[in-house]
Amino acid sequence: MPPQPQSYRPAQIILHWVVFAAIWVQWLFNEPIKRTIHAMQIGTTPAGNDMTMAWVHVGFGSTIFLAVLARLYLRYRYGTPGHAPGTPPMQAKIATTVHWALYGALIGMVITGGMTWNGVADLGYAHRLLNMVLFGLITTHAAAALFNQFVRKDGTLRRMIVSRKI
């Protein structure tokens, strides 16, 4: 295990925001893939632009998967900074648990979505369940970041912004 760094590497920060943006695209444009999979399952042709948008969904899902794998590699290779100074031990444990649950939910989403899309197994129900779990985890993660930044004033959000050294 590498020594604990003082800050996140720029690649870790960029990948964090890539995943963030890709998740929003997935949530905003999830209806076409649902309709496309349904059409494929009943042997009909997807309507209108649904197939194109379904491929966009698949592409962004693949991007999320690769970005999460890259984040896990960077985490293993370079480590991550510790919790902000003054973080209560229980809050630190919850934060760590939420982070690992986010990784697990994201990987689970890609696996269940990919298996459903490729006709390996109809895991749409599991995919939708993981989506709800992911929404709860993201809400918790964002609320905690905002609480720490603006109530505890510990610089949490600054840690996830690439700084330009001049």
Protein backbone atom coordinates (compact mmCIF):
# COMPACT_ATOMS: atom_id res chain seq x y z
CA MET A 1 0.00 0.00 0.00
CA PRO A 2 1.44 3.41 -0.95
CA PRO A 3 1.93 6.12 1.66
CA GLN A 4 -1.11 8.31 2.19
CA PRO A 5 -0.94 11.33 -0.15
CA GLN A 6 -1.84 14.85 0.91
CA SER A 7 -4.23 15.36 -2.01
CA TYR A 8 -5.95 13.53 -4.83
CA ARG A 9 -4.07 13.23 -8.11
CA PRO A 10 -5.53 15.25 -11.00
CA ALA A 11 -6.51 12.02 -12.78
CA GLN A 12 -8.49 10.91 -9.72
CA ILE A 13 -10.34 14.22 -9.63
CA ILE A 14 -11.06 14.26 -13.36
CA LEU A 15 -12.35 10.67 -13.26
CA HIS A 16 -14.60 11.57 -10.31
CA TRP A 17 -16.26 14.32 -12.37
CA VAL A 18 -16.41 12.14 -15.51
CA VAL A 19 -18.39 9.56 -13.53
CA PHE A 20 -20.58 12.30 -12.05
CA ALA A 21 -21.43 13.73 -15.50
CA ALA A 22 -21.94 10.30 -17.09
CA ILE A 23 -24.36 9.26 -14.34
CA TRP A 24 -26.45 12.37 -14.98
CA VAL A 25 -26.56 11.57 -18.70
CA GLN A 26 -27.69 8.05 -17.82
CA TRP A 27 -30.46 9.32 -15.57
CA LEU A 28 -31.64 11.94 -18.04
CA PHE A 29 -31.78 9.58 -20.99
CA ASN A 30 -32.78 6.22 -19.51
CA GLU A 31 -36.25 5.87 -21.05
CA PRO A 32 -35.07 5.08 -24.60
CA ILE A 33 -32.99 2.11 -23.45
CA LYS A 34 -35.92 0.75 -21.47
CA ARG A 35 -38.14 0.97 -24.54
CA THR A 36 -35.43 -0.51 -26.77
CA ILE A 37 -34.81 -3.49 -24.49
CA HIS A 38 -38.55 -4.08 -24.23
CA ALA A 39 -38.87 -3.98 -28.02
CA MET A 40 -35.95 -6.39 -28.41
CA GLN A 41 -37.45 -8.78 -25.85
CA ILE A 42 -40.80 -8.94 -27.64
CA GLY A 43 -39.21 -9.10 -31.09
CA THR A 44 -40.20 -5.69 -32.43
CA THR A 45 -38.19 -2.80 -33.82
CA PRO A 46 -37.43 0.05 -31.40
CA ALA A 47 -39.36 3.22 -32.22
CA GLY A 48 -37.79 6.37 -33.62
CA ASN A 49 -34.47 7.37 -32.15
CA ASP A 50 -34.67 4.89 -29.27
CA MET A 51 -31.97 2.55 -30.58
CA THR A 52 -29.53 5.43 -31.09
CA MET A 53 -30.21 6.75 -27.60
CA ALA A 54 -29.90 3.22 -26.22
CA TRP A 55 -26.41 3.02 -27.73
CA VAL A 56 -25.61 6.37 -26.11
CA HIS A 57 -26.72 4.84 -22.80
CA VAL A 58 -24.51 1.79 -23.40
CA GLY A 59 -21.58 4.04 -24.33
CA PHE A 60 -21.89 6.16 -21.22
CA GLY A 61 -22.33 3.03 -19.10
CA SER A 62 -19.11 1.66 -20.56
CA THR A 63 -17.40 4.99 -19.85
CA ILE A 64 -18.55 4.80 -16.22
CA PHE A 65 -17.23 1.25 -15.95
CA LEU A 66 -13.80 2.15 -17.36
CA ALA A 67 -13.60 5.31 -15.22
CA VAL A 68 -14.48 3.37 -12.06
CA LEU A 69 -11.87 0.72 -12.85
CA ALA A 70 -9.31 3.48 -13.47
CA ARG A 71 -10.24 5.14 -10.17
CA LEU A 72 -9.84 1.87 -8.32
CA TYR A 73 -6.45 1.32 -9.95
CA LEU A 74 -5.29 4.85 -9.05
CA ARG A 75 -6.59 4.38 -5.53
CA TYR A 76 -4.59 1.14 -5.23
CA ARG A 77 -1.49 2.55 -6.93
CA TYR A 78 -1.30 6.00 -5.34
CA GLY A 79 -3.70 5.90 -2.40
CA THR A 80 -6.09 8.62 -1.35
CA PRO A 81 -5.75 11.40 1.19
CA GLY A 82 -7.12 10.79 4.64
CA HIS A 83 -10.33 12.31 5.89
CA ALA A 84 -10.30 16.02 6.61
CA PRO A 85 -8.74 16.96 9.95
CA GLY A 86 -11.23 16.84 12.79
CA THR A 87 -13.52 14.29 11.12
CA PRO A 88 -15.20 12.26 13.86
CA PRO A 89 -14.24 8.55 13.69
CA MET A 90 -17.82 7.39 13.08
CA GLN A 91 -18.28 9.91 10.26
CA ALA A 92 -14.98 8.72 8.73
CA LYS A 93 -16.21 5.10 8.83
CA ILE A 94 -19.52 6.06 7.24
CA ALA A 95 -17.73 8.05 4.53
CA THR A 96 -15.43 5.13 3.74
CA THR A 97 -18.38 2.73 3.63
CA VAL A 98 -20.36 5.05 1.32
CA HIS A 99 -17.38 5.42 -1.04
CA TRP A 100 -16.90 1.66 -1.35
CA ALA A 101 -20.66 1.16 -1.73
CA LEU A 102 -20.64 3.71 -4.57
CA TYR A 103 -17.92 1.73 -6.36
CA GLY A 104 -19.85 -1.50 -5.82
CA ALA A 105 -23.18 -0.05 -6.97
CA LEU A 106 -21.61 1.45 -10.09
CA ILE A 107 -19.92 -1.80 -11.05
CA GLY A 108 -23.13 -3.70 -10.31
CA MET A 109 -25.11 -1.29 -12.49
CA VAL A 110 -22.77 -1.85 -15.43
CA ILE A 111 -22.80 -5.64 -15.01
CA THR A 112 -26.58 -5.93 -14.70
CA GLY A 113 -27.17 -3.44 -17.49
CA GLY A 114 -24.65 -5.12 -19.78
CA MET A 115 -26.06 -8.58 -19.16
CA THR A 116 -29.58 -7.34 -19.86
CA TRP A 117 -28.53 -5.41 -22.99
CA ASN A 118 -26.63 -8.39 -24.39
CA GLY A 119 -29.46 -10.83 -23.66
CA VAL A 120 -27.36 -12.90 -21.25
CA ALA A 121 -29.89 -12.55 -18.43
CA ASP A 122 -32.81 -10.24 -17.81
CA LEU A 123 -31.43 -8.35 -14.83
CA GLY A 124 -33.46 -5.20 -15.45
CA TYR A 125 -35.07 -5.53 -12.02
CA ALA A 126 -31.67 -5.73 -10.30
CA HIS A 127 -30.44 -2.83 -12.45
CA ARG A 128 -33.41 -0.67 -11.38
CA LEU A 129 -32.90 -1.65 -7.72
CA LEU A 130 -29.22 -0.74 -7.93
CA ASN A 131 -30.25 2.55 -9.54
CA MET A 132 -32.31 3.40 -6.47
CA VAL A 133 -29.44 2.38 -4.18
CA LEU A 134 -27.04 4.46 -6.27
CA PHE A 135 -29.34 7.49 -6.07
CA GLY A 136 -29.43 7.18 -2.27
CA LEU A 137 -25.66 6.79 -2.04
CA ILE A 138 -25.03 9.76 -4.32
CA THR A 139 -27.47 11.89 -2.34
CA THR A 140 -25.73 10.89 0.90
CA HIS A 141 -22.30 11.52 -0.62
CA ALA A 142 -23.24 14.96 -1.96
CA ALA A 143 -25.04 16.01 1.24
CA ALA A 144 -22.03 14.99 3.33
CA ALA A 145 -19.64 16.88 1.03
CA LEU A 146 -21.79 20.02 1.25
CA PHE A 147 -22.16 19.66 5.03
CA ASN A 148 -18.42 19.28 5.48
CA GLN A 149 -17.62 22.16 3.15
CA PHE A 150 -20.14 24.70 4.43
CA VAL A 151 -20.90 23.67 8.02
CA ARG A 152 -17.66 22.09 9.17
CA LYS A 153 -15.68 24.31 6.74
CA ASP A 154 -13.04 21.62 6.30
CA GLY A 155 -12.27 22.14 2.60
CA THR A 156 -13.89 18.90 1.45
CA LEU A 157 -15.04 20.23 -1.94
CA ARG A 158 -11.68 21.85 -2.67
CA ARG A 159 -10.15 18.38 -2.51
CA MET A 160 -12.12 17.36 -5.61
CA ILE A 161 -11.18 20.35 -7.76
CA VAL A 162 -8.02 20.26 -9.85
CA SER A 163 -5.79 23.10 -8.72
CA ARG A 164 -3.58 24.96 -11.14
CA LYS A 165 -0.18 25.64 -9.70
CA ILE A 166 1.27 28.86 -11.08
